[in-house]
All heavy atoms as atom14 arrays in JSON, in Angstrom:
{
  "sequence": "IGAHPSAHIGELPLGIPLNLVPYLTQTVIGKRPELR",
  "atom14_mask": [
    [1, 1, 1, 1, 1, 1, 1, 1, 0, 0, 0, 0, 0, 0],
    [1, 1, 1, 1, 0, 0, 0, 0, 0, 0, 0, 0, 0, 0],
    [1, 1, 1, 1, 1, 0, 0, 0, 0, 0, 0, 0, 0, 0],
    [1, 1, 1, 1, 1, 1, 1, 1, 1, 1, 0, 0, 0, 0],
    [1, 1, 1, 1, 1, 1, 1, 0, 0, 0, 0, 0, 0, 0],
    [1, 1, 1, 1, 1, 1, 0, 0, 0, 0, 0, 0, 0, 0],
    [1, 1, 1, 1, 1, 0, 0, 0, 0, 0, 0, 0, 0, 0],
    [1, 1, 1, 1, 1, 1, 1, 1, 1, 1, 0, 0, 0, 0],
    [1, 1, 1, 1, 1, 1, 1, 1, 0, 0, 0, 0, 0, 0],
    [1, 1, 1, 1, 0, 0, 0, 0, 0, 0, 0, 0, 0, 0],
    [1, 1, 1, 1, 1, 1, 1, 1, 1, 0, 0, 0, 0, 0],
    [1, 1, 1, 1, 1, 1, 1, 1, 0, 0, 0, 0, 0, 0],
    [1, 1, 1, 1, 1, 1, 1, 0, 0, 0, 0, 0, 0, 0],
    [1, 1, 1, 1, 1, 1, 1, 1, 0, 0, 0, 0, 0, 0],
    [1, 1, 1, 1, 0, 0, 0, 0, 0, 0, 0, 0, 0, 0],
    [1, 1, 1, 1, 1, 1, 1, 1, 0, 0, 0, 0, 0, 0],
    [1, 1, 1, 1, 1, 1, 1, 0, 0, 0, 0, 0, 0, 0],
    [1, 1, 1, 1, 1, 1, 1, 1, 0, 0, 0, 0, 0, 0],
    [1, 1, 1, 1, 1, 1, 1, 1, 0, 0, 0, 0, 0, 0],
    [1, 1, 1, 1, 1, 1, 1, 1, 0, 0, 0, 0, 0, 0],
    [1, 1, 1, 1, 1, 1, 1, 0, 0, 0, 0, 0, 0, 0],
    [1, 1, 1, 1, 1, 1, 1, 0, 0, 0, 0, 0, 0, 0],
    [1, 1, 1, 1, 1, 1, 1, 1, 1, 1, 1, 1, 0, 0],
    [1, 1, 1, 1, 1, 1, 1, 1, 0, 0, 0, 0, 0, 0],
    [1, 1, 1, 1, 1, 1, 1, 0, 0, 0, 0, 0, 0, 0],
    [1, 1, 1, 1, 1, 1, 1, 1, 1, 0, 0, 0, 0, 0],
    [1, 1, 1, 1, 1, 1, 1, 0, 0, 0, 0, 0, 0, 0],
    [1, 1, 1, 1, 1, 1, 1, 0, 0, 0, 0, 0, 0, 0],
    [1, 1, 1, 1, 1, 1, 1, 1, 0, 0, 0, 0, 0, 0],
    [1, 1, 1, 1, 0, 0, 0, 0, 0, 0, 0, 0, 0, 0],
    [1, 1, 1, 1, 1, 1, 1, 1, 1, 0, 0, 0, 0, 0],
    [1, 1, 1, 1, 1, 1, 1, 1, 1, 1, 1, 0, 0, 0],
    [1, 1, 1, 1, 1, 1, 1, 0, 0, 0, 0, 0, 0, 0],
    [1, 1, 1, 1, 1, 1, 1, 1, 1, 0, 0, 0, 0, 0],
    [1, 1, 1, 1, 1, 1, 1, 1, 0, 0, 0, 0, 0, 0],
    [1, 1, 1, 1, 1, 1, 1, 1, 1, 1, 1, 0, 0, 0]
  ],
  "atom14_positions": [
    [[66.84, 18.18, -147.57], [67.39, 19.31, -146.74], [68.42, 18.68, -145.7], [68.4, 17.45, -145.48], [66.39, 20.11, -146.04], [65.46, 19.25, -145.15], [65.52, 20.86, -147.1], [64.47, 20.08, -144.2], [0.0, 0.0, 0.0], [0.0, 0.0, 0.0], [0.0, 0.0, 0.0], [0.0, 0.0, 0.0], [0.0, 0.0, 0.0], [0.0, 0.0, 0.0]],
    [[69.13, 19.56, -144.98], [69.99, 19.15, -143.94], [71.42, 18.83, -144.42], [71.8, 19.03, -145.55], [0.0, 0.0, 0.0], [0.0, 0.0, 0.0], [0.0, 0.0, 0.0], [0.0, 0.0, 0.0], [0.0, 0.0, 0.0], [0.0, 0.0, 0.0], [0.0, 0.0, 0.0], [0.0, 0.0, 0.0], [0.0, 0.0, 0.0], [0.0, 0.0, 0.0]],
    [[72.22, 18.29, -143.52], [73.6, 18.03, -143.85], [74.05, 16.78, -143.03], [73.36, 16.33, -142.06], [74.55, 19.19, -143.45], [0.0, 0.0, 0.0], [0.0, 0.0, 0.0], [0.0, 0.0, 0.0], [0.0, 0.0, 0.0], [0.0, 0.0, 0.0], [0.0, 0.0, 0.0], [0.0, 0.0, 0.0], [0.0, 0.0, 0.0], [0.0, 0.0, 0.0]],
    [[75.18, 16.25, -143.43], [75.7, 15.06, -142.63], [75.99, 15.55, -141.18], [76.41, 16.63, -140.97], [76.97, 14.62, -143.29], [77.4, 13.24, -142.76], [78.22, 13.03, -141.63], [77.1, 11.99, -143.22], [78.43, 11.74, -141.42], [77.72, 11.11, -142.38], [0.0, 0.0, 0.0], [0.0, 0.0, 0.0], [0.0, 0.0, 0.0], [0.0, 0.0, 0.0]],
    [[75.61, 14.63, -140.2], [75.77, 15.03, -138.79], [77.19, 15.44, -138.42], [77.4, 16.18, -137.41], [75.18, 13.89, -137.99], [75.28, 12.73, -138.97], [75.07, 13.33, -140.29], [0.0, 0.0, 0.0], [0.0, 0.0, 0.0], [0.0, 0.0, 0.0], [0.0, 0.0, 0.0], [0.0, 0.0, 0.0], [0.0, 0.0, 0.0], [0.0, 0.0, 0.0]],
    [[78.18, 15.01, -139.2], [79.6, 15.31, -138.95], [79.81, 16.85, -139.32], [80.94, 17.3, -138.88], [80.52, 14.41, -139.72], [80.39, 14.73, -141.11], [0.0, 0.0, 0.0], [0.0, 0.0, 0.0], [0.0, 0.0, 0.0], [0.0, 0.0, 0.0], [0.0, 0.0, 0.0], [0.0, 0.0, 0.0], [0.0, 0.0, 0.0], [0.0, 0.0, 0.0]],
    [[79.05, 17.36, -140.14], [79.28, 18.77, -140.75], [80.5, 18.7, -141.62], [81.08, 19.87, -141.91], [79.38, 19.84, -139.62], [0.0, 0.0, 0.0], [0.0, 0.0, 0.0], [0.0, 0.0, 0.0], [0.0, 0.0, 0.0], [0.0, 0.0, 0.0], [0.0, 0.0, 0.0], [0.0, 0.0, 0.0], [0.0, 0.0, 0.0], [0.0, 0.0, 0.0]],
    [[80.9, 17.64, -142.18], [81.98, 17.6, -143.18], [81.45, 17.83, -144.56], [82.17, 18.3, -145.45], [82.67, 16.25, -143.08], [83.58, 16.15, -141.88], [84.55, 17.07, -141.61], [83.66, 15.15, -140.93], [85.2, 16.72, -140.55], [84.63, 15.53, -140.07], [0.0, 0.0, 0.0], [0.0, 0.0, 0.0], [0.0, 0.0, 0.0], [0.0, 0.0, 0.0]],
    [[80.15, 17.48, -144.82], [79.54, 17.74, -146.1], [78.1, 18.22, -145.86], [77.5, 17.91, -144.83], [79.55, 16.5, -147.02], [78.85, 15.28, -146.42], [80.9, 16.14, -147.48], [78.62, 14.1, -147.26], [0.0, 0.0, 0.0], [0.0, 0.0, 0.0], [0.0, 0.0, 0.0], [0.0, 0.0, 0.0], [0.0, 0.0, 0.0], [0.0, 0.0, 0.0]],
    [[77.59, 18.93, -146.77], [76.23, 19.48, -146.78], [75.9, 20.19, -148.05], [76.6, 20.07, -149.01], [0.0, 0.0, 0.0], [0.0, 0.0, 0.0], [0.0, 0.0, 0.0], [0.0, 0.0, 0.0], [0.0, 0.0, 0.0], [0.0, 0.0, 0.0], [0.0, 0.0, 0.0], [0.0, 0.0, 0.0], [0.0, 0.0, 0.0], [0.0, 0.0, 0.0]],
    [[74.86, 20.96, -148.07], [74.4, 21.69, -149.25], [75.28, 22.9, -149.41], [75.38, 23.7, -148.55], [72.92, 22.1, -149.15], [72.41, 22.63, -150.53], [70.88, 22.67, -150.46], [70.25, 22.44, -149.46], [70.33, 22.97, -151.57], [0.0, 0.0, 0.0], [0.0, 0.0, 0.0], [0.0, 0.0, 0.0], [0.0, 0.0, 0.0], [0.0, 0.0, 0.0]],
    [[75.96, 23.02, -150.52], [76.97, 24.06, -150.82], [76.67, 24.68, -152.1], [77.37, 24.52, -153.07], [78.31, 23.37, -150.77], [79.57, 24.28, -150.69], [79.54, 25.04, -149.29], [80.85, 23.46, -150.79], [0.0, 0.0, 0.0], [0.0, 0.0, 0.0], [0.0, 0.0, 0.0], [0.0, 0.0, 0.0], [0.0, 0.0, 0.0], [0.0, 0.0, 0.0]],
    [[75.62, 25.6, -152.14], [75.33, 26.25, -153.34], [76.33, 27.27, -153.77], [76.94, 27.92, -152.95], [73.98, 26.95, -153.13], [74.01, 27.14, -151.54], [74.73, 25.94, -151.06], [0.0, 0.0, 0.0], [0.0, 0.0, 0.0], [0.0, 0.0, 0.0], [0.0, 0.0, 0.0], [0.0, 0.0, 0.0], [0.0, 0.0, 0.0], [0.0, 0.0, 0.0]],
    [[76.53, 27.34, -155.07], [77.46, 28.35, -155.59], [76.66, 29.61, -155.94], [75.71, 29.54, -156.68], [78.17, 27.81, -156.84], [79.0, 26.56, -156.7], [79.77, 26.23, -157.97], [80.05, 26.7, -155.56], [0.0, 0.0, 0.0], [0.0, 0.0, 0.0], [0.0, 0.0, 0.0], [0.0, 0.0, 0.0], [0.0, 0.0, 0.0], [0.0, 0.0, 0.0]],
    [[77.09, 30.73, -155.37], [76.3, 31.98, -155.57], [75.1, 32.05, -154.71], [75.04, 31.44, -153.53], [0.0, 0.0, 0.0], [0.0, 0.0, 0.0], [0.0, 0.0, 0.0], [0.0, 0.0, 0.0], [0.0, 0.0, 0.0], [0.0, 0.0, 0.0], [0.0, 0.0, 0.0], [0.0, 0.0, 0.0], [0.0, 0.0, 0.0], [0.0, 0.0, 0.0]],
    [[74.04, 32.67, -155.14], [72.79, 32.83, -154.35], [72.05, 31.47, -154.32], [71.78, 30.92, -155.4], [71.86, 33.94, -154.97], [72.6, 35.3, -154.9], [70.61, 34.03, -154.18], [71.85, 36.41, -155.62], [0.0, 0.0, 0.0], [0.0, 0.0, 0.0], [0.0, 0.0, 0.0], [0.0, 0.0, 0.0], [0.0, 0.0, 0.0], [0.0, 0.0, 0.0]],
    [[71.71, 31.0, -153.16], [71.02, 29.69, -153.06], [69.67, 29.72, -153.77], [68.94, 30.74, -153.68], [70.82, 29.49, -151.52], [71.84, 30.37, -150.92], [71.97, 31.61, -151.86], [0.0, 0.0, 0.0], [0.0, 0.0, 0.0], [0.0, 0.0, 0.0], [0.0, 0.0, 0.0], [0.0, 0.0, 0.0], [0.0, 0.0, 0.0], [0.0, 0.0, 0.0]],
    [[69.33, 28.69, -154.4], [68.0, 28.53, -155.07], [67.03, 27.74, -154.22], [65.85, 27.67, -154.54], [68.2, 27.94, -156.45], [69.04, 28.72, -157.44], [69.33, 27.96, -158.71], [68.34, 30.09, -157.74], [0.0, 0.0, 0.0], [0.0, 0.0, 0.0], [0.0, 0.0, 0.0], [0.0, 0.0, 0.0], [0.0, 0.0, 0.0], [0.0, 0.0, 0.0]],
    [[67.55, 27.05, -153.21], [66.63, 26.28, -152.3], [66.47, 26.96, -150.93], [67.32, 27.8, -150.51], [67.32, 24.86, -152.09], [67.33, 24.07, -153.33], [66.52, 24.25, -154.28], [68.35, 23.24, -153.45], [0.0, 0.0, 0.0], [0.0, 0.0, 0.0], [0.0, 0.0, 0.0], [0.0, 0.0, 0.0], [0.0, 0.0, 0.0], [0.0, 0.0, 0.0]],
    [[65.36, 26.61, -150.32], [64.96, 27.31, -149.2], [65.94, 27.29, -147.95], [66.28, 28.27, -147.41], [63.56, 26.74, -148.69], [63.09, 27.22, -147.36], [62.88, 28.75, -147.34], [61.75, 26.53, -146.95], [0.0, 0.0, 0.0], [0.0, 0.0, 0.0], [0.0, 0.0, 0.0], [0.0, 0.0, 0.0], [0.0, 0.0, 0.0], [0.0, 0.0, 0.0]],
    [[66.32, 26.1, -147.58], [67.09, 25.92, -146.3], [68.49, 26.61, -146.39], [68.83, 27.31, -145.43], [67.15, 24.44, -145.88], [68.09, 24.3, -144.7], [65.74, 23.99, -145.45], [0.0, 0.0, 0.0], [0.0, 0.0, 0.0], [0.0, 0.0, 0.0], [0.0, 0.0, 0.0], [0.0, 0.0, 0.0], [0.0, 0.0, 0.0], [0.0, 0.0, 0.0]],
    [[69.28, 26.43, -147.49], [70.56, 27.16, -147.41], [70.36, 28.64, -147.5], [71.18, 29.44, -146.83], [71.21, 26.67, -148.68], [70.19, 26.03, -149.56], [69.17, 25.49, -148.6], [0.0, 0.0, 0.0], [0.0, 0.0, 0.0], [0.0, 0.0, 0.0], [0.0, 0.0, 0.0], [0.0, 0.0, 0.0], [0.0, 0.0, 0.0], [0.0, 0.0, 0.0]],
    [[69.33, 29.06, -148.2], [69.03, 30.59, -148.12], [68.72, 31.02, -146.72], [69.14, 32.05, -146.18], [67.92, 30.93, -149.08], [67.97, 32.28, -149.61], [68.06, 32.52, -150.97], [67.83, 33.4, -148.75], [68.1, 33.85, -151.51], [67.94, 34.69, -149.23], [68.05, 34.91, -150.61], [68.12, 36.14, -151.15], [0.0, 0.0, 0.0], [0.0, 0.0, 0.0]],
    [[67.96, 30.13, -146.05], [67.59, 30.5, -144.64], [68.81, 30.53, -143.74], [68.94, 31.49, -142.97], [66.58, 29.39, -144.09], [65.94, 29.56, -142.77], [64.63, 28.81, -142.7], [66.86, 29.1, -141.59], [0.0, 0.0, 0.0], [0.0, 0.0, 0.0], [0.0, 0.0, 0.0], [0.0, 0.0, 0.0], [0.0, 0.0, 0.0], [0.0, 0.0, 0.0]],
    [[69.64, 29.5, -143.75], [70.78, 29.47, -142.94], [71.83, 30.56, -143.24], [72.41, 31.13, -142.33], [71.48, 28.1, -142.99], [71.93, 27.82, -144.32], [70.61, 27.01, -142.52], [0.0, 0.0, 0.0], [0.0, 0.0, 0.0], [0.0, 0.0, 0.0], [0.0, 0.0, 0.0], [0.0, 0.0, 0.0], [0.0, 0.0, 0.0], [0.0, 0.0, 0.0]],
    [[71.94, 30.87, -144.59], [72.84, 32.01, -144.9], [72.31, 33.32, -144.4], [73.05, 34.19, -144.1], [72.98, 32.06, -146.42], [73.91, 30.95, -146.94], [74.3, 31.08, -148.4], [74.11, 32.18, -149.06], [74.84, 30.05, -149.04], [0.0, 0.0, 0.0], [0.0, 0.0, 0.0], [0.0, 0.0, 0.0], [0.0, 0.0, 0.0], [0.0, 0.0, 0.0]],
    [[70.94, 33.5, -144.33], [70.39, 34.7, -143.77], [70.66, 34.84, -142.34], [71.09, 35.86, -141.79], [68.83, 34.65, -144.05], [68.64, 34.66, -145.46], [68.21, 35.97, -143.44], [0.0, 0.0, 0.0], [0.0, 0.0, 0.0], [0.0, 0.0, 0.0], [0.0, 0.0, 0.0], [0.0, 0.0, 0.0], [0.0, 0.0, 0.0], [0.0, 0.0, 0.0]],
    [[70.45, 33.7, -141.58], [70.59, 33.76, -140.15], [72.09, 34.06, -139.8], [72.4, 34.75, -138.81], [70.12, 32.45, -139.53], [70.48, 32.37, -138.04], [68.62, 32.32, -139.79], [0.0, 0.0, 0.0], [0.0, 0.0, 0.0], [0.0, 0.0, 0.0], [0.0, 0.0, 0.0], [0.0, 0.0, 0.0], [0.0, 0.0, 0.0], [0.0, 0.0, 0.0]],
    [[73.01, 33.49, -140.56], [74.47, 33.66, -140.2], [74.98, 34.96, -140.71], [76.03, 35.44, -140.33], [75.24, 32.53, -140.81], [76.44, 32.21, -139.88], [75.72, 32.77, -142.17], [77.14, 30.89, -140.1], [0.0, 0.0, 0.0], [0.0, 0.0, 0.0], [0.0, 0.0, 0.0], [0.0, 0.0, 0.0], [0.0, 0.0, 0.0], [0.0, 0.0, 0.0]],
    [[74.19, 35.7, -141.5], [74.57, 37.07, -141.9], [75.07, 37.25, -143.29], [75.49, 38.39, -143.74], [0.0, 0.0, 0.0], [0.0, 0.0, 0.0], [0.0, 0.0, 0.0], [0.0, 0.0, 0.0], [0.0, 0.0, 0.0], [0.0, 0.0, 0.0], [0.0, 0.0, 0.0], [0.0, 0.0, 0.0], [0.0, 0.0, 0.0], [0.0, 0.0, 0.0]],
    [[75.03, 36.12, -144.09], [75.51, 36.3, -145.51], [74.42, 36.95, -146.38], [74.8, 37.55, -147.42], [75.8, 34.88, -146.05], [76.99, 34.21, -145.46], [77.18, 32.83, -146.12], [78.33, 32.1, -145.57], [78.46, 30.72, -146.1], [0.0, 0.0, 0.0], [0.0, 0.0, 0.0], [0.0, 0.0, 0.0], [0.0, 0.0, 0.0], [0.0, 0.0, 0.0]],
    [[73.18, 36.91, -146.04], [72.09, 37.46, -146.74], [71.3, 38.34, -145.82], [71.16, 38.04, -144.62], [71.09, 36.39, -147.3], [71.82, 35.26, -148.03], [72.24, 35.69, -149.43], [73.16, 34.63, -149.96], [73.99, 34.89, -150.96], [73.94, 36.06, -151.63], [74.83, 33.95, -151.4], [0.0, 0.0, 0.0], [0.0, 0.0, 0.0], [0.0, 0.0, 0.0]],
    [[70.68, 39.56, -146.32], [70.06, 40.4, -145.46], [68.63, 39.84, -145.0], [68.22, 40.25, -143.89], [69.83, 41.72, -146.33], [69.91, 41.19, -147.76], [70.93, 40.02, -147.69], [0.0, 0.0, 0.0], [0.0, 0.0, 0.0], [0.0, 0.0, 0.0], [0.0, 0.0, 0.0], [0.0, 0.0, 0.0], [0.0, 0.0, 0.0], [0.0, 0.0, 0.0]],
    [[68.06, 39.07, -145.77], [66.72, 38.5, -145.4], [66.49, 37.28, -146.17], [67.04, 37.03, -147.26], [65.68, 39.5, -145.69], [65.53, 39.9, -147.16], [64.58, 41.04, -147.43], [64.18, 41.71, -146.49], [64.25, 41.26, -148.65], [0.0, 0.0, 0.0], [0.0, 0.0, 0.0], [0.0, 0.0, 0.0], [0.0, 0.0, 0.0], [0.0, 0.0, 0.0]],
    [[65.67, 36.46, -145.64], [65.08, 35.27, -146.42], [63.94, 35.71, -147.24], [62.92, 36.26, -146.73], [64.66, 34.21, -145.4], [63.89, 32.96, -145.99], [64.85, 32.21, -146.98], [63.41, 32.09, -144.93], [0.0, 0.0, 0.0], [0.0, 0.0, 0.0], [0.0, 0.0, 0.0], [0.0, 0.0, 0.0], [0.0, 0.0, 0.0], [0.0, 0.0, 0.0]],
    [[64.04, 35.44, -148.45], [62.89, 35.8, -149.46], [61.96, 34.62, -149.44], [62.28, 33.5, -149.89], [63.46, 36.04, -150.82], [64.32, 37.28, -150.93], [64.76, 37.65, -152.35], [65.47, 38.8, -152.47], [65.74, 39.41, -153.62], [65.37, 38.85, -154.75], [66.41, 40.62, -153.66], [0.0, 0.0, 0.0], [0.0, 0.0, 0.0], [0.0, 0.0, 0.0]]
  ]
}
């Protein structure tokens, strides 16, 4: 989990994330209505 501290690279799922943390961050930023 996590990303490079520079924020130049990180987990970049295409479509709906299948892993917990990107789904979580996308929910918090407003891309997803809720974390499943």
